[in-house]
Amino acid sequence: MQVQKKLIHSPLTLFSKNSTSFLKLAIALFYIIPILFLSYLYLFSIKVGEPFFSPILEQPMFTVLFIIAMLNPFYGLFTKIALTDFENNQHIFISRWILKILSVCLLLIGNFFISFLLIIALIKQRKEKSVLNNSFDLKEKGAKSRVIGMIFICSFTLMCFFLLIKIQSL
């Protein structure tokens, strides 16, 4: 007779798979959005019969949307960094704040679906790692680069948000 091994999963590993799956889906969407925007821009240029970058150069709304689309891989990079931090139990506090700030930035520029995914992942991740020390130490290796990079990306996102408001009010 064969002895069957039962897979015993603790609730901790089930939550971990769920939170990482939301983050992995968000990362994939972050990398797909620029490709979709560029393909839309290509089809638009074929339909109108103009050069590829002429809508970006001539229409301010396309310019801001192009910048937002090209910021998405950087959002994906920070989400990937946070995912590896959660898996390695390093910089948990900084990574949580990066994802919180990133989800607010995404709400500002209108990327509601991915922001919703990040919020769900944060809630699930908070349930699984609630016992960890919530300390913020910039002396840890890599902490300064995470914070400086997030400030840089947030400043670009806020600039795009204010430009969108200014363009729509014209």
Protein backbone atom coordinates (compact mmCIF):
# COMPACT_ATOMS: atom_id res chain seq x y z
CA MET A 1 0.00 0.00 0.00
CA GLN A 2 1.08 3.47 -0.72
CA VAL A 3 1.24 5.94 2.04
CA GLN A 4 -0.19 9.27 1.04
CA LYS A 5 1.38 12.32 2.48
CA LYS A 6 -1.03 14.96 3.55
CA LEU A 7 0.00 18.47 2.80
CA ILE A 8 -0.40 20.46 5.90
CA HIS A 9 -0.72 24.16 5.26
CA SER A 10 -0.84 26.57 8.08
CA PRO A 11 -3.02 29.63 7.68
CA LEU A 12 0.18 31.68 7.51
CA THR A 13 1.30 30.08 4.25
CA LEU A 14 -2.17 30.39 2.76
CA PHE A 15 -2.20 34.11 3.48
CA SER A 16 1.32 34.42 2.12
CA LYS A 17 0.34 32.89 -1.20
CA ASN A 18 -2.67 35.16 -1.47
CA SER A 19 -0.80 38.37 -0.71
CA THR A 20 2.06 37.52 -3.04
CA SER A 21 -0.34 36.58 -5.82
CA PHE A 22 -1.96 40.03 -5.65
CA LEU A 23 1.46 41.67 -5.74
CA LYS A 24 2.60 39.51 -8.66
CA LEU A 25 -0.56 40.38 -10.60
CA ALA A 26 0.05 44.07 -9.93
CA ILE A 27 3.66 43.74 -11.12
CA ALA A 28 2.52 42.06 -14.34
CA LEU A 29 -0.02 44.80 -14.97
CA PHE A 30 2.59 47.47 -14.32
CA TYR A 31 4.71 46.01 -17.11
CA ILE A 32 1.77 45.49 -19.50
CA ILE A 33 0.39 49.06 -19.31
CA PRO A 34 3.27 50.75 -21.23
CA ILE A 35 3.06 48.11 -23.95
CA LEU A 36 -0.68 48.67 -24.29
CA PHE A 37 -0.23 52.45 -24.40
CA LEU A 38 2.46 52.23 -27.07
CA SER A 39 0.36 49.84 -29.15
CA TYR A 40 -2.60 52.24 -28.84
CA LEU A 41 -0.35 55.10 -29.88
CA TYR A 42 0.89 53.07 -32.86
CA LEU A 43 -2.65 52.23 -33.99
CA PHE A 44 -3.68 55.87 -33.50
CA SER A 45 -0.78 57.07 -35.64
CA ILE A 46 -1.65 54.58 -38.39
CA LYS A 47 -5.29 55.63 -38.36
CA VAL A 48 -4.53 59.35 -38.48
CA GLY A 49 -1.55 58.94 -40.82
CA GLU A 50 0.88 60.95 -38.72
CA PRO A 51 4.29 60.02 -37.35
CA PHE A 52 4.41 57.84 -34.24
CA PHE A 53 5.28 60.50 -31.66
CA SER A 54 3.31 63.40 -33.14
CA PRO A 55 0.35 63.03 -30.70
CA ILE A 56 2.78 63.12 -27.79
CA LEU A 57 4.51 66.21 -29.12
CA GLU A 58 1.36 68.08 -30.15
CA GLN A 59 -1.26 67.19 -27.54
CA PRO A 60 -0.48 67.86 -23.87
CA MET A 61 -2.89 65.20 -22.60
CA PHE A 62 -1.08 62.50 -24.60
CA THR A 63 2.22 63.79 -23.24
CA VAL A 64 1.11 63.42 -19.62
CA LEU A 65 -0.46 60.02 -20.29
CA PHE A 66 2.79 58.92 -21.97
CA ILE A 67 4.77 59.96 -18.88
CA ILE A 68 2.31 58.12 -16.62
CA ALA A 69 2.52 54.99 -18.77
CA MET A 70 6.31 55.10 -18.69
CA LEU A 71 6.29 55.47 -14.89
CA ASN A 72 4.48 52.14 -14.53
CA PRO A 73 7.63 49.95 -14.84
CA PHE A 74 9.13 51.93 -11.95
CA TYR A 75 5.99 51.29 -9.92
CA GLY A 76 6.43 47.62 -10.80
CA LEU A 77 10.05 47.76 -9.68
CA PHE A 78 9.09 49.15 -6.27
CA THR A 79 6.34 46.57 -5.94
CA LYS A 80 8.83 43.83 -6.81
CA ILE A 81 11.27 45.19 -4.21
CA ALA A 82 8.49 45.18 -1.61
CA LEU A 83 7.56 41.61 -2.57
CA THR A 84 11.12 40.37 -2.11
CA ASP A 85 11.34 42.30 1.17
CA PHE A 86 8.20 40.53 2.41
CA GLU A 87 9.55 37.15 1.33
CA ASN A 88 12.94 37.77 2.98
CA ASN A 89 11.52 39.49 6.09
CA GLN A 90 13.65 42.57 5.51
CA HIS A 91 12.56 46.22 5.46
CA ILE A 92 8.96 45.18 6.20
CA PHE A 93 8.01 48.57 7.64
CA ILE A 94 9.52 50.55 4.75
CA SER A 95 7.98 48.21 2.18
CA ARG A 96 4.53 48.58 3.71
CA TRP A 97 4.83 52.35 3.57
CA ILE A 98 6.11 52.20 -0.01
CA LEU A 99 3.07 50.18 -1.06
CA LYS A 100 0.73 52.52 0.83
CA ILE A 101 2.22 55.60 -0.80
CA LEU A 102 2.27 53.85 -4.16
CA SER A 103 -1.42 52.96 -3.91
CA VAL A 104 -2.28 56.59 -3.08
CA CYS A 105 -0.19 57.79 -6.04
CA LEU A 106 -1.98 55.35 -8.31
CA LEU A 107 -5.34 56.62 -7.09
CA LEU A 108 -4.27 60.16 -7.93
CA ILE A 109 -3.45 59.33 -11.54
CA GLY A 110 -6.53 57.17 -12.01
CA ASN A 111 -5.12 53.66 -11.88
CA PHE A 112 -7.83 52.35 -9.57
CA PHE A 113 -7.58 48.62 -10.31
CA ILE A 114 -3.90 48.22 -9.47
CA SER A 115 -4.29 50.47 -6.44
CA PHE A 116 -7.09 48.17 -5.27
CA LEU A 117 -4.81 45.14 -5.78
CA LEU A 118 -2.06 46.77 -3.71
CA ILE A 119 -4.48 47.62 -0.90
CA ILE A 120 -5.77 44.03 -0.78
CA ALA A 121 -2.20 42.71 -0.75
CA LEU A 122 -1.33 45.09 2.08
CA ILE A 123 -4.30 43.93 4.14
CA LYS A 124 -3.46 40.26 3.60
CA GLN A 125 0.22 40.86 4.25
CA ARG A 126 -0.60 42.75 7.43
CA LYS A 127 -2.56 39.74 8.71
CA GLU A 128 0.33 37.38 8.11
CA LYS A 129 3.17 39.52 9.43
CA SER A 130 1.46 41.45 12.20
CA VAL A 131 3.88 40.27 14.89
CA LEU A 132 6.99 41.79 13.37
CA ASN A 133 8.73 44.81 14.80
CA ASN A 134 7.52 47.98 13.11
CA SER A 135 10.71 49.96 13.27
CA PHE A 136 12.07 52.36 10.72
CA ASP A 137 15.84 52.53 10.50
CA LEU A 138 17.56 54.33 7.64
CA LYS A 139 20.87 52.78 8.67
CA GLU A 140 19.82 49.39 7.33
CA LYS A 141 21.35 48.38 4.03
CA GLY A 142 19.17 49.55 1.13
CA ALA A 143 16.71 51.56 3.22
CA LYS A 144 17.91 54.97 2.03
CA SER A 145 17.75 53.99 -1.63
CA ARG A 146 14.17 52.75 -1.21
CA VAL A 147 13.06 55.98 0.44
CA ILE A 148 14.89 58.27 -2.01
CA GLY A 149 13.58 56.32 -5.00
CA MET A 150 10.02 56.46 -3.70
CA ILE A 151 10.28 60.22 -3.13
CA PHE A 152 11.53 60.62 -6.70
CA ILE A 153 8.70 58.53 -8.18
CA CYS A 154 6.08 60.26 -6.00
CA SER A 155 7.27 63.66 -7.14
CA PHE A 156 6.83 62.64 -10.79
CA THR A 157 3.40 61.20 -10.02
CA LEU A 158 2.28 64.37 -8.23
CA MET A 159 3.59 66.44 -11.13
CA CYS A 160 1.55 64.35 -13.57
CA PHE A 161 -1.52 64.64 -11.33
CA PHE A 162 -1.32 68.42 -11.22
CA LEU A 163 -0.67 68.57 -14.96
CA LEU A 164 -3.76 66.44 -15.60
CA ILE A 165 -5.85 68.78 -13.47
CA LYS A 166 -4.40 71.84 -15.22
CA ILE A 167 -4.95 70.40 -18.71
CA GLN A 168 -8.51 69.34 -17.98
CA SER A 169 -9.39 72.77 -16.60
CA LEU A 170 -8.29 74.52 -19.83
